[in-house]
PDB file of N, CA and C in Angstrom:
ATOM      1  N   LEU A   1     -15.894  -8.658 -16.305  1.00  0.00           N
ATOM      2  CA  LEU A   1     -14.935  -9.544 -15.704  1.00  0.00           C
ATOM      3  C   LEU A   1     -15.079  -9.616 -14.184  1.00  0.00           C
ATOM      4  N   GLU A   2     -15.958  -8.850 -13.622  1.00  0.00           N
ATOM      5  CA  GLU A   2     -16.129  -8.877 -12.176  1.00  0.00           C
ATOM      6  C   GLU A   2     -16.873 -10.136 -11.751  1.00  0.00           C
ATOM      7  N   ARG A   3     -16.417 -10.725 -10.672  1.00  0.00           N
ATOM      8  CA  ARG A   3     -17.035 -11.923 -10.122  1.00  0.00           C
ATOM      9  C   ARG A   3     -17.314 -11.724  -8.643  1.00  0.00           C
ATOM     10  N   PHE A   4     -18.223 -12.502  -8.131  1.00  0.00           N
ATOM     11  CA  PHE A   4     -18.531 -12.490  -6.710  1.00  0.00           C
ATOM     12  C   PHE A   4     -18.022 -13.782  -6.093  1.00  0.00           C
ATOM     13  N   VAL A   5     -17.844 -13.800  -4.793  1.00  0.00           N
ATOM     14  CA  VAL A   5     -17.261 -14.954  -4.122  1.00  0.00           C
ATOM     15  C   VAL A   5     -18.043 -16.232  -4.415  1.00  0.00           C
ATOM     16  N   PHE A   6     -19.354 -16.155  -4.501  1.00  0.00           N
ATOM     17  CA  PHE A   6     -20.152 -17.361  -4.735  1.00  0.00           C
ATOM     18  C   PHE A   6     -20.073 -17.871  -6.169  1.00  0.00           C
ATOM     19  N   ASP A   7     -19.526 -17.081  -7.098  1.00  0.00           N
ATOM     20  CA  ASP A   7     -19.373 -17.520  -8.487  1.00  0.00           C
ATOM     21  C   ASP A   7     -18.362 -18.651  -8.640  1.00  0.00           C
ATOM     22  N   VAL A   8     -17.438 -18.785  -7.685  1.00  0.00           N
ATOM     23  CA  VAL A   8     -16.411 -19.820  -7.800  1.00  0.00           C
ATOM     24  C   VAL A   8     -16.842 -21.156  -7.198  1.00  0.00           C
ATOM     25  N   PHE A   9     -17.904 -21.174  -6.432  1.00  0.00           N
ATOM     26  CA  PHE A   9     -18.322 -22.402  -5.740  1.00  0.00           C
ATOM     27  C   PHE A   9     -18.403 -23.625  -6.652  1.00  0.00           C
ATOM     28  N   PRO A  10     -18.965 -23.530  -7.848  1.00  0.00           N
ATOM     29  CA  PRO A  10     -19.061 -24.726  -8.700  1.00  0.00           C
ATOM     30  C   PRO A  10     -17.705 -25.260  -9.185  1.00  0.00           C
ATOM     31  N   PHE A  11     -16.637 -24.466  -9.062  1.00  0.00           N
ATOM     32  CA  PHE A  11     -15.337 -24.846  -9.622  1.00  0.00           C
ATOM     33  C   PHE A  11     -14.319 -25.326  -8.589  1.00  0.00           C
ATOM     34  N   VAL A  12     -14.656 -25.328  -7.314  1.00  0.00           N
ATOM     35  CA  VAL A  12     -13.671 -25.679  -6.283  1.00  0.00           C
ATOM     36  C   VAL A  12     -14.085 -26.929  -5.515  1.00  0.00           C
ATOM     37  N   HIS A  13     -13.062 -27.638  -5.037  1.00  0.00           N
ATOM     38  CA  HIS A  13     -13.303 -28.808  -4.199  1.00  0.00           C
ATOM     39  C   HIS A  13     -13.105 -28.460  -2.732  1.00  0.00           C
ATOM     40  N   LYS A  14     -12.158 -27.568  -2.471  1.00  0.00           N
ATOM     41  CA  LYS A  14     -11.893 -27.078  -1.121  1.00  0.00           C
ATOM     42  C   LYS A  14     -11.754 -25.568  -1.201  1.00  0.00           C
ATOM     43  N   MET A  15     -12.188 -24.893  -0.165  1.00  0.00           N
ATOM     44  CA  MET A  15     -12.090 -23.438  -0.185  1.00  0.00           C
ATOM     45  C   MET A  15     -11.893 -22.940   1.244  1.00  0.00           C
ATOM     46  N   ALA A  16     -11.136 -21.872   1.369  1.00  0.00           N
ATOM     47  CA  ALA A  16     -10.954 -21.193   2.644  1.00  0.00           C
ATOM     48  C   ALA A  16     -11.199 -19.713   2.405  1.00  0.00           C
ATOM     49  N   ILE A  17     -11.763 -19.066   3.371  1.00  0.00           N
ATOM     50  CA  ILE A  17     -12.035 -17.632   3.273  1.00  0.00           C
ATOM     51  C   ILE A  17     -11.302 -16.932   4.397  1.00  0.00           C
ATOM     52  N   LEU A  18     -10.621 -15.864   4.059  1.00  0.00           N
ATOM     53  CA  LEU A  18      -9.916 -15.055   5.040  1.00  0.00           C
ATOM     54  C   LEU A  18     -10.607 -13.712   5.154  1.00  0.00           C
ATOM     55  N   GLU A  19     -10.777 -13.257   6.356  1.00  0.00           N
ATOM     56  CA  GLU A  19     -11.311 -11.917   6.559  1.00  0.00           C
ATOM     57  C   GLU A  19     -10.121 -10.984   6.757  1.00  0.00           C
ATOM     58  N   VAL A  20     -10.050  -9.944   5.947  1.00  0.00           N
ATOM     59  CA  VAL A  20      -8.928  -9.013   5.989  1.00  0.00           C
ATOM     60  C   VAL A  20      -9.453  -7.585   6.095  1.00  0.00           C
ATOM     61  N   ASP A  21      -8.569  -6.711   6.507  1.00  0.00           N
ATOM     62  CA  ASP A  21      -8.909  -5.298   6.571  1.00  0.00           C
ATOM     63  C   ASP A  21      -8.946  -4.750   5.140  1.00  0.00           C
ATOM     64  N   ARG A  22     -10.062  -4.211   4.728  1.00  0.00           N
ATOM     65  CA  ARG A  22     -10.255  -3.758   3.350  1.00  0.00           C
ATOM     66  C   ARG A  22      -9.169  -2.774   2.915  1.00  0.00           C
ATOM     67  N   LYS A  23      -8.811  -1.830   3.778  1.00  0.00           N
ATOM     68  CA  LYS A  23      -7.845  -0.801   3.371  1.00  0.00           C
ATOM     69  C   LYS A  23      -6.454  -1.373   3.100  1.00  0.00           C
ATOM     70  N   ASP A  24      -6.172  -2.586   3.616  1.00  0.00           N
ATOM     71  CA  ASP A  24      -4.869  -3.198   3.370  1.00  0.00           C
ATOM     72  C   ASP A  24      -4.883  -4.227   2.253  1.00  0.00           C
ATOM     73  N   GLN A  25      -6.050  -4.612   1.746  1.00  0.00           N
ATOM     74  CA  GLN A  25      -6.110  -5.687   0.770  1.00  0.00           C
ATOM     75  C   GLN A  25      -6.914  -5.385  -0.493  1.00  0.00           C
ATOM     76  N   PHE A  26      -7.593  -4.243  -0.527  1.00  0.00           N
ATOM     77  CA  PHE A  26      -8.490  -4.028  -1.661  1.00  0.00           C
ATOM     78  C   PHE A  26      -8.615  -2.551  -1.983  1.00  0.00           C
ATOM     79  N   SER A  27      -8.406  -2.219  -3.230  1.00  0.00           N
ATOM     80  CA  SER A  27      -8.648  -0.870  -3.727  1.00  0.00           C
ATOM     81  C   SER A  27      -9.180  -1.018  -5.139  1.00  0.00           C
ATOM     82  N   PRO A  28     -10.483  -0.921  -5.310  1.00  0.00           N
ATOM     83  CA  PRO A  28     -11.066  -1.183  -6.629  1.00  0.00           C
ATOM     84  C   PRO A  28     -10.581  -0.207  -7.696  1.00  0.00           C
ATOM     85  N   LEU A  29     -10.422  -0.743  -8.880  1.00  0.00           N
ATOM     86  CA  LEU A  29     -10.038   0.051 -10.041  1.00  0.00           C
ATOM     87  C   LEU A  29     -11.029  -0.294 -11.141  1.00  0.00           C
ATOM     88  N   LYS A  30     -12.109   0.480 -11.191  1.00  0.00           N
ATOM     89  CA  LYS A  30     -13.195   0.178 -12.128  1.00  0.00           C
ATOM     90  C   LYS A  30     -13.505   1.337 -13.066  1.00  0.00           C
ATOM     91  N   ASN A  31     -12.992   2.509 -12.739  1.00  0.00           N
ATOM     92  CA  ASN A  31     -13.370   3.696 -13.504  1.00  0.00           C
ATOM     93  C   ASN A  31     -12.168   4.321 -14.198  1.00  0.00           C
ATOM     94  N   ALA A  32     -12.454   5.170 -15.145  1.00  0.00           N
ATOM     95  CA  ALA A  32     -11.418   5.856 -15.912  1.00  0.00           C
ATOM     96  C   ALA A  32     -10.685   6.879 -15.048  1.00  0.00           C
ATOM     97  N   PRO A  33      -9.477   7.256 -15.455  1.00  0.00           N
ATOM     98  CA  PRO A  33      -8.759   8.309 -14.735  1.00  0.00           C
ATOM     99  C   PRO A  33      -9.617   9.565 -14.609  1.00  0.00           C
ATOM    100  N   GLY A  34      -9.515  10.191 -13.441  1.00  0.00           N
ATOM    101  CA  GLY A  34     -10.243  11.426 -13.212  1.00  0.00           C
ATOM    102  C   GLY A  34     -11.649  11.245 -12.673  1.00  0.00           C
ATOM    103  N   ALA A  35     -12.121  10.024 -12.543  1.00  0.00           N
ATOM    104  CA  ALA A  35     -13.487   9.786 -12.068  1.00  0.00           C
ATOM    105  C   ALA A  35     -13.653  10.157 -10.602  1.00  0.00           C
ATOM    106  N   GLY A  36     -12.553  10.118  -9.837  1.00  0.00           N
ATOM    107  CA  GLY A  36     -12.631  10.518  -8.437  1.00  0.00           C
ATOM    108  C   GLY A  36     -12.957   9.383  -7.478  1.00  0.00           C
ATOM    109  N   VAL A  37     -13.409   8.255  -7.989  1.00  0.00           N
ATOM    110  CA  VAL A  37     -13.712   7.101  -7.148  1.00  0.00           C
ATOM    111  C   VAL A  37     -13.384   5.823  -7.928  1.00  0.00           C
ATOM    112  N   ASP A  38     -12.762   4.872  -7.249  1.00  0.00           N
ATOM    113  CA  ASP A  38     -12.411   3.584  -7.876  1.00  0.00           C
ATOM    114  C   ASP A  38     -11.673   3.765  -9.204  1.00  0.00           C
ATOM    115  N   CYS A  39     -10.716   4.677  -9.221  1.00  0.00           N
ATOM    116  CA  CYS A  39      -9.985   5.018 -10.443  1.00  0.00           C
ATOM    117  C   CYS A  39      -8.481   4.894 -10.175  1.00  0.00           C
ATOM    118  N   PRO A  40      -7.642   5.039 -11.184  1.00  0.00           N
ATOM    119  CA  PRO A  40      -6.198   4.904 -10.965  1.00  0.00           C
ATOM    120  C   PRO A  40      -5.658   5.815  -9.867  1.00  0.00           C
ATOM    121  N   GLU A  41      -6.178   7.017  -9.782  1.00  0.00           N
ATOM    122  CA  GLU A  41      -5.684   7.955  -8.763  1.00  0.00           C
ATOM    123  C   GLU A  41      -6.003   7.476  -7.349  1.00  0.00           C
ATOM    124  N   THR A  42      -7.211   6.955  -7.129  1.00  0.00           N
ATOM    125  CA  THR A  42      -7.567   6.495  -5.782  1.00  0.00           C
ATOM    126  C   THR A  42      -6.829   5.209  -5.433  1.00  0.00           C
ATOM    127  N   SER A  43      -6.592   4.341  -6.415  1.00  0.00           N
ATOM    128  CA  SER A  43      -5.818   3.123  -6.152  1.00  0.00           C
ATOM    129  C   SER A  43      -4.379   3.478  -5.792  1.00  0.00           C
ATOM    130  N   ARG A  44      -3.802   4.426  -6.493  1.00  0.00           N
ATOM    131  CA  ARG A  44      -2.433   4.875  -6.191  1.00  0.00           C
ATOM    132  C   ARG A  44      -2.376   5.483  -4.799  1.00  0.00           C
ATOM    133  N   SER A  45      -3.329   6.321  -4.476  1.00  0.00           N
ATOM    134  CA  SER A  45      -3.392   6.946  -3.159  1.00  0.00           C
ATOM    135  C   SER A  45      -3.513   5.902  -2.050  1.00  0.00           C
ATOM    136  N   ASP A  46      -4.322   4.883  -2.279  1.00  0.00           N
ATOM    137  CA  ASP A  46      -4.487   3.811  -1.285  1.00  0.00           C
ATOM    138  C   ASP A  46      -3.187   3.043  -1.083  1.00  0.00           C
ATOM    139  N   LEU A  47      -2.449   2.783  -2.167  1.00  0.00           N
ATOM    140  CA  LEU A  47      -1.172   2.075  -2.065  1.00  0.00           C
ATOM    141  C   LEU A  47      -0.152   2.910  -1.298  1.00  0.00           C
ATOM    142  N   ILE A  48      -0.076   4.185  -1.590  1.00  0.00           N
ATOM    143  CA  ILE A  48       0.843   5.081  -0.889  1.00  0.00           C
ATOM    144  C   ILE A  48       0.490   5.134   0.597  1.00  0.00           C
ATOM    145  N   ALA A  49      -0.794   5.257   0.916  1.00  0.00           N
ATOM    146  CA  ALA A  49      -1.223   5.309   2.315  1.00  0.00           C
ATOM    147  C   ALA A  49      -0.844   4.023   3.046  1.00  0.00           C
ATOM    148  N   GLN A  50      -0.969   2.880   2.376  1.00  0.00           N
ATOM    149  CA  GLN A  50      -0.604   1.606   2.989  1.00  0.00           C
ATOM    150  C   GLN A  50       0.896   1.565   3.288  1.00  0.00           C
ATOM    151  N   CYS A  51       1.719   1.986   2.348  1.00  0.00           N
ATOM    152  CA  CYS A  51       3.172   1.983   2.547  1.00  0.00           C
ATOM    153  C   CYS A  51       3.562   2.920   3.685  1.00  0.00           C
ATOM    154  N   ILE A  52       2.911   4.059   3.779  1.00  0.00           N
ATOM    155  CA  ILE A  52       3.181   4.991   4.880  1.00  0.00           C
ATOM    156  C   ILE A  52       2.781   4.352   6.207  1.00  0.00           C
ATOM    157  N   ARG A  53       1.632   3.666   6.257  1.00  0.00           N
ATOM    158  CA  ARG A  53       1.216   2.975   7.483  1.00  0.00           C
ATOM    159  C   ARG A  53       2.246   1.921   7.883  1.00  0.00           C
ATOM    160  N   PHE A  54       2.770   1.174   6.900  1.00  0.00           N
ATOM    161  CA  PHE A  54       3.785   0.166   7.191  1.00  0.00           C
ATOM    162  C   PHE A  54       5.023   0.810   7.812  1.00  0.00           C
ATOM    163  N   ALA A  55       5.516   1.887   7.206  1.00  0.00           N
ATOM    164  CA  ALA A  55       6.718   2.560   7.707  1.00  0.00           C
ATOM    165  C   ALA A  55       6.475   3.128   9.104  1.00  0.00           C
ATOM    166  N   GLU A  56       5.335   3.759   9.304  1.00  0.00           N
ATOM    167  CA  GLU A  56       5.035   4.349  10.607  1.00  0.00           C
ATOM    168  C   GLU A  56       4.821   3.279  11.678  1.00  0.00           C
ATOM    169  N   ALA A  57       4.236   2.156  11.315  1.00  0.00           N
ATOM    170  CA  ALA A  57       4.062   1.052  12.268  1.00  0.00           C
ATOM    171  C   ALA A  57       5.413   0.474  12.686  1.00  0.00           C
ATOM    172  N   ALA A  58       6.413   0.595  11.808  1.00  0.00           N
ATOM    173  CA  ALA A  58       7.765   0.126  12.119  1.00  0.00           C
ATOM    174  C   ALA A  58       8.537   1.152  12.945  1.00  0.00           C
ATOM    175  N   GLY A  59       7.941   2.324  13.189  1.00  0.00           N
ATOM    176  CA  GLY A  59       8.576   3.340  14.015  1.00  0.00           C
ATOM    177  C   GLY A  59       9.195   4.491  13.267  1.00  0.00           C
ATOM    178  N   ALA A  60       8.992   4.561  11.966  1.00  0.00           N
ATOM    179  CA  ALA A  60       9.535   5.656  11.161  1.00  0.00           C
ATOM    180  C   ALA A  60       8.536   6.808  11.084  1.00  0.00           C
ATOM    181  N   THR A  61       9.037   7.948  10.678  1.00  0.00           N
ATOM    182  CA  THR A  61       8.202   9.101  10.364  1.00  0.00           C
ATOM    183  C   THR A  61       8.385   9.386   8.883  1.00  0.00           C
ATOM    184  N   VAL A  62       7.297   9.544   8.158  1.00  0.00           N
ATOM    185  CA  VAL A  62       7.369   9.869   6.734  1.00  0.00           C
ATOM    186  C   VAL A  62       7.100  11.353   6.588  1.00  0.00           C
ATOM    187  N   GLN A  63       8.062  12.060   6.023  1.00  0.00           N
ATOM    188  CA  GLN A  63       7.950  13.504   5.863  1.00  0.00           C
ATOM    189  C   GLN A  63       6.911  13.828   4.792  1.00  0.00           C
ATOM    190  N   ARG A  64       5.942  14.637   5.148  1.00  0.00           N
ATOM    191  CA  ARG A  64       4.917  15.061   4.200  1.00  0.00           C
ATOM    192  C   ARG A  64       5.396  16.318   3.473  1.00  0.00           C
ATOM    193  N   ALA A  65       4.901  16.545   2.299  1.00  0.00           N
ATOM    194  CA  ALA A  65       5.268  17.725   1.512  1.00  0.00           C
ATOM    195  C   ALA A  65       4.741  18.987   2.193  1.00  0.00           C
ATOM    196  N   ALA A  66       5.512  20.053   2.099  1.00  0.00           N
ATOM    197  CA  ALA A  66       5.133  21.315   2.726  1.00  0.00           C
ATOM    198  C   ALA A  66       3.863  21.886   2.105  1.00  0.00           C
ATOM    199  N   ASP A  67       3.621  21.593   0.817  1.00  0.00           N
ATOM    200  CA  ASP A  67       2.445  22.140   0.143  1.00  0.00           C
ATOM    201  C   ASP A  67       1.193  21.290   0.370  1.00  0.00           C
ATOM    202  N   GLY A  68       1.308  20.259   1.202  1.00  0.00           N
ATOM    203  CA  GLY A  68       0.151  19.426   1.501  1.00  0.00           C
ATOM    204  C   GLY A  68      -0.112  18.315   0.495  1.00  0.00           C
ATOM    205  N   GLN A  69       0.696  18.248  -0.561  1.00  0.00           N
ATOM    206  CA  GLN A  69       0.535  17.195  -1.557  1.00  0.00           C
ATOM    207  C   GLN A  69       0.906  15.845  -0.954  1.00  0.00           C
ATOM    208  N   GLU A  70       0.207  14.823  -1.388  1.00  0.00           N
ATOM    209  CA  GLU A  70       0.512  13.476  -0.944  1.00  0.00           C
ATOM    210  C   GLU A  70       1.898  13.087  -1.448  1.00  0.00           C
ATOM    211  N   PRO A  71       2.733  12.498  -0.570  1.00  0.00           N
ATOM    212  CA  PRO A  71       4.047  12.068  -1.057  1.00  0.00           C
ATOM    213  C   PRO A  71       3.913  10.878  -2.001  1.00  0.00           C
ATOM    214  N   SER A  72       4.909  10.697  -2.829  1.00  0.00           N
ATOM    215  CA  SER A  72       4.973   9.523  -3.689  1.00  0.00           C
ATOM    216  C   SER A  72       5.889   8.541  -2.983  1.00  0.00           C
ATOM    217  N   PHE A  73       5.331   7.750  -2.081  1.00  0.00           N
ATOM    218  CA  PHE A  73       6.111   6.897  -1.190  1.00  0.00           C
ATOM    219  C   PHE A  73       5.673   5.456  -1.374  1.00  0.00           C
ATOM    220  N   GLU A  74       6.617   4.596  -1.762  1.00  0.00           N
ATOM    221  CA  GLU A  74       6.264   3.196  -1.967  1.00  0.00           C
ATOM    222  C   GLU A  74       7.368   2.293  -1.452  1.00  0.00           C
ATOM    223  N   ILE A  75       6.956   1.210  -0.802  1.00  0.00           N
ATOM    224  CA  ILE A  75       7.868   0.166  -0.368  1.00  0.00           C
ATOM    225  C   ILE A  75       7.632  -1.017  -1.296  1.00  0.00           C
ATOM    226  N   SER A  76       8.662  -1.421  -2.017  1.00  0.00           N
ATOM    227  CA  SER A  76       8.540  -2.540  -2.941  1.00  0.00           C
ATOM    228  C   SER A  76       8.093  -3.792  -2.203  1.00  0.00           C
ATOM    229  N   ALA A  77       7.245  -4.587  -2.830  1.00  0.00           N
ATOM    230  CA  ALA A  77       6.816  -5.856  -2.241  1.00  0.00           C
ATOM    231  C   ALA A  77       7.997  -6.814  -2.109  1.00  0.00           C
ATOM    232  N   LEU A  78       9.101  -6.550  -2.803  1.00  0.00           N
ATOM    233  CA  LEU A  78      10.303  -7.364  -2.644  1.00  0.00           C
ATOM    234  C   LEU A  78      11.012  -7.051  -1.325  1.00  0.00           C
ATOM    235  N   VAL A  79      10.720  -5.893  -0.744  1.00  0.00           N
ATOM    236  CA  VAL A  79      11.294  -5.501   0.548  1.00  0.00           C
ATOM    237  C   VAL A  79      10.378  -5.945   1.681  1.00  0.00           C
ATOM    238  N   SER A  80       9.090  -5.656   1.538  1.00  0.00           N
ATOM    239  CA  SER A  80       8.114  -6.026   2.563  1.00  0.00           C
ATOM    240  C   SER A  80       6.752  -6.148   1.914  1.00  0.00           C
ATOM    241  N   TYR A  81       6.133  -7.306   2.093  1.00  0.00           N
ATOM    242  CA  TYR A  81       4.819  -7.527   1.487  1.00  0.00           C
ATOM    243  C   TYR A  81       3.690  -6.992   2.357  1.00  0.00           C
ATOM    244  N   ALA A  82       3.822  -7.150   3.666  1.00  0.00           N
ATOM    245  CA  ALA A  82       2.736  -6.753   4.569  1.00  0.00           C
ATOM    246  C   ALA A  82       3.242  -5.952   5.758  1.00  0.00           C
ATOM    247  N   GLY A  83       4.358  -5.242   5.565  1.00  0.00           N
ATOM    248  CA  GLY A  83       4.904  -4.419   6.634  1.00  0.00           C
ATOM    249  C   GLY A  83       5.931  -5.127   7.498  1.00  0.00           C
ATOM    250  N   GLU A  84       6.219  -6.387   7.193  1.00  0.00           N
ATOM    251  CA  GLU A  84       7.187  -7.144   7.988  1.00  0.00           C
ATOM    252  C   GLU A  84       8.616  -6.777   7.575  1.00  0.00           C
ATOM    253  N   GLY A  85       9.554  -6.949   8.523  1.00  0.00           N
ATOM    254  CA  GLY A  85      10.965  -6.745   8.216  1.00  0.00           C
ATOM    255  C   GLY A  85      11.414  -5.305   8.094  1.00  0.00           C
ATOM    256  N   LEU A  86      10.637  -4.380   8.592  1.00  0.00           N
ATOM    257  CA  LEU A  86      10.986  -2.962   8.465  1.00  0.00           C
ATOM    258  C   LEU A  86      11.489  -2.355   9.772  1.00  0.00           C
ATOM    259  N   GLU A  87      11.916  -3.206  10.705  1.00  0.00           N
ATOM    260  CA  GLU A  87      12.333  -2.739  12.025  1.00  0.00           C
ATOM    261  C   GLU A  87      13.485  -1.735  11.957  1.00  0.00           C
ATOM    262  N   SER A  88      14.330  -1.838  10.943  1.00  0.00           N
ATOM    263  CA  SER A  88      15.472  -0.923  10.821  1.00  0.00           C
ATOM    264  C   SER A  88      15.040   0.516  10.527  1.00  0.00           C
ATOM    265  N   LEU A  89      13.777   0.733  10.227  1.00  0.00           N
ATOM    266  CA  LEU A  89      13.268   2.086   9.979  1.00  0.00           C
ATOM    267  C   LEU A  89      12.946   2.834  11.272  1.00  0.00           C
ATOM    268  N   SER A  90      12.889   2.125  12.372  1.00  0.00           N
ATOM    269  CA  SER A  90      12.489   2.715  13.648  1.00  0.00           C
ATOM    270  C   SER A  90      13.349   3.925  13.997  1.00  0.00           C
ATOM    271  N   GLY A  91      12.688   5.019  14.334  1.00  0.00           N
ATOM    272  CA  GLY A  91      13.364   6.246  14.741  1.00  0.00           C
ATOM    273  C   GLY A  91      13.856   7.125  13.613  1.00  0.00           C
ATOM    274  N   LYS A  92      13.678   6.690  12.374  1.00  0.00           N
ATOM    275  CA  LYS A  92      14.157   7.465  11.226  1.00  0.00           C
ATOM    276  C   LYS A  92      13.043   8.316  10.640  1.00  0.00           C
ATOM    277  N   THR A  93      13.419   9.465  10.102  1.00  0.00           N
ATOM    278  CA  THR A  93      12.493  10.300   9.352  1.00  0.00           C
ATOM    279  C   THR A  93      12.826  10.108   7.881  1.00  0.00           C
ATOM    280  N   LEU A  94      11.842   9.632   7.131  1.00  0.00           N
ATOM    281  CA  LEU A  94      12.060   9.294   5.731  1.00  0.00           C
ATOM    282  C   LEU A  94      11.549  10.384   4.814  1.00  0.00           C
ATOM    283  N   ALA A  95      12.306  10.655   3.751  1.00  0.00           N
ATOM    284  CA  ALA A  95      11.836  11.584   2.726  1.00  0.00           C
ATOM    285  C   ALA A  95      10.579  10.992   2.119  1.00  0.00           C
ATOM    286  N   GLY A  96       9.580  11.831   1.910  1.00  0.00           N
ATOM    287  CA  GLY A  96       8.290  11.343   1.449  1.00  0.00           C
ATOM    288  C   GLY A  96       8.271  10.829   0.028  1.00  0.00           C
ATOM    289  N   ASP A  97       9.053  11.400  -0.857  1.00  0.00           N
ATOM    290  CA  ASP A  97       9.006  10.997  -2.260  1.00  0.00           C
ATOM    291  C   ASP A  97      10.132  10.018  -2.561  1.00  0.00           C
ATOM    292  N   GLN A  98       9.816   8.723  -2.462  1.00  0.00           N
ATOM    293  CA  GLN A  98      10.812   7.715  -2.793  1.00  0.00           C
ATOM    294  C   GLN A  98      10.170   6.351  -3.000  1.00  0.00           C
ATOM    295  N   LEU A  99      10.899   5.520  -3.711  1.00  0.00           N
ATOM    296  CA  LEU A  99      10.543   4.119  -3.901  1.00  0.00           C
ATOM    297  C   LEU A  99      11.614   3.313  -3.196  1.00  0.00           C
ATOM    298  N   ILE A 100      11.229   2.586  -2.166  1.00  0.00           N
ATOM    299  CA  ILE A 100      12.184   1.792  -1.403  1.00  0.00           C
ATOM    300  C   ILE A 100      12.264   0.407  -2.035  1.00  0.00           C
ATOM    301  N   THR A 101      13.401   0.144  -2.688  1.00  0.00           N
ATOM    302  CA  THR A 101      13.603  -1.153  -3.349  1.00  0.00           C
ATOM    303  C   THR A 101      14.513  -2.058  -2.536  1.00  0.00           C
ATOM    304  N   ASP A 102      15.224  -1.500  -1.572  1.00  0.00           N
ATOM    305  CA  ASP A 102      15.973  -2.274  -0.590  1.00  0.00           C
ATOM    306  C   ASP A 102      16.213  -1.356   0.608  1.00  0.00           C
ATOM    307  N   LEU A 103      16.433  -1.945   1.756  1.00  0.00           N
ATOM    308  CA  LEU A 103      16.541  -1.157   2.983  1.00  0.00           C
ATOM    309  C   LEU A 103      17.820  -0.330   3.052  1.00  0.00           C
ATOM    310  N   ASP A 104      18.762  -0.565   2.143  1.00  0.00           N
ATOM    311  CA  ASP A 104      19.997   0.220   2.111  1.00  0.00           C
ATOM    312  C   ASP A 104      19.856   1.476   1.238  1.00  0.00           C
ATOM    313  N   SER A 105      18.777   1.580   0.473  1.00  0.00           N
ATOM    314  CA  SER A 105      18.612   2.709  -0.457  1.00  0.00           C
ATOM    315  C   SER A 105      17.635   3.761   0.072  1.00  0.00           C
ATOM    316  N   ILE A 106      17.348   3.736   1.354  1.00  0.00           N
ATOM    317  CA  ILE A 106      16.345   4.636   1.932  1.00  0.00           C
ATOM    318  C   ILE A 106      16.915   6.049   2.024  1.00  0.00           C
ATOM    319  N   VAL A 107      16.099   7.035   1.645  1.00  0.00           N
ATOM    320  CA  VAL A 107      16.483   8.437   1.782  1.00  0.00           C
ATOM    321  C   VAL A 107      15.965   8.913   3.128  1.00  0.00           C
ATOM    322  N   VAL A 108      16.922   9.206   4.035  1.00  0.00           N
ATOM    323  CA  VAL A 108      16.589   9.657   5.384  1.00  0.00           C
ATOM    324  C   VAL A 108      16.782  11.159   5.442  1.00  0.00           C
ATOM    325  N   VAL A 109      15.855  11.843   6.098  1.00  0.00           N
ATOM    326  CA  VAL A 109      15.921  13.300   6.209  1.00  0.00           C
ATOM    327  C   VAL A 109      16.708  13.670   7.436  1.00  0.00           C
TER     328      VAL A 109
END
């Protein structure tokens, strides 16, 4: 099911290409769990890292686990798709393990 950008050329009348930062727009999922690369675990890790970058860019601090484990931290796309609208997080320290589904449900440390 994998396709390359040039595979669509015969099917389009108009096309635009956007150059984006790979870490914010792409995390391949091609391998079985436990493969260590391009697998569910790495895709999940990439999503968590993106959400942490969004929160930190808005001025928040995301508390990391004392044991060094990656937090389970996610900002719902219904709250912010690309890090926009998170200004109210500025100056807050957020608990690392949470799913932010609205800006009123944030767990602050």
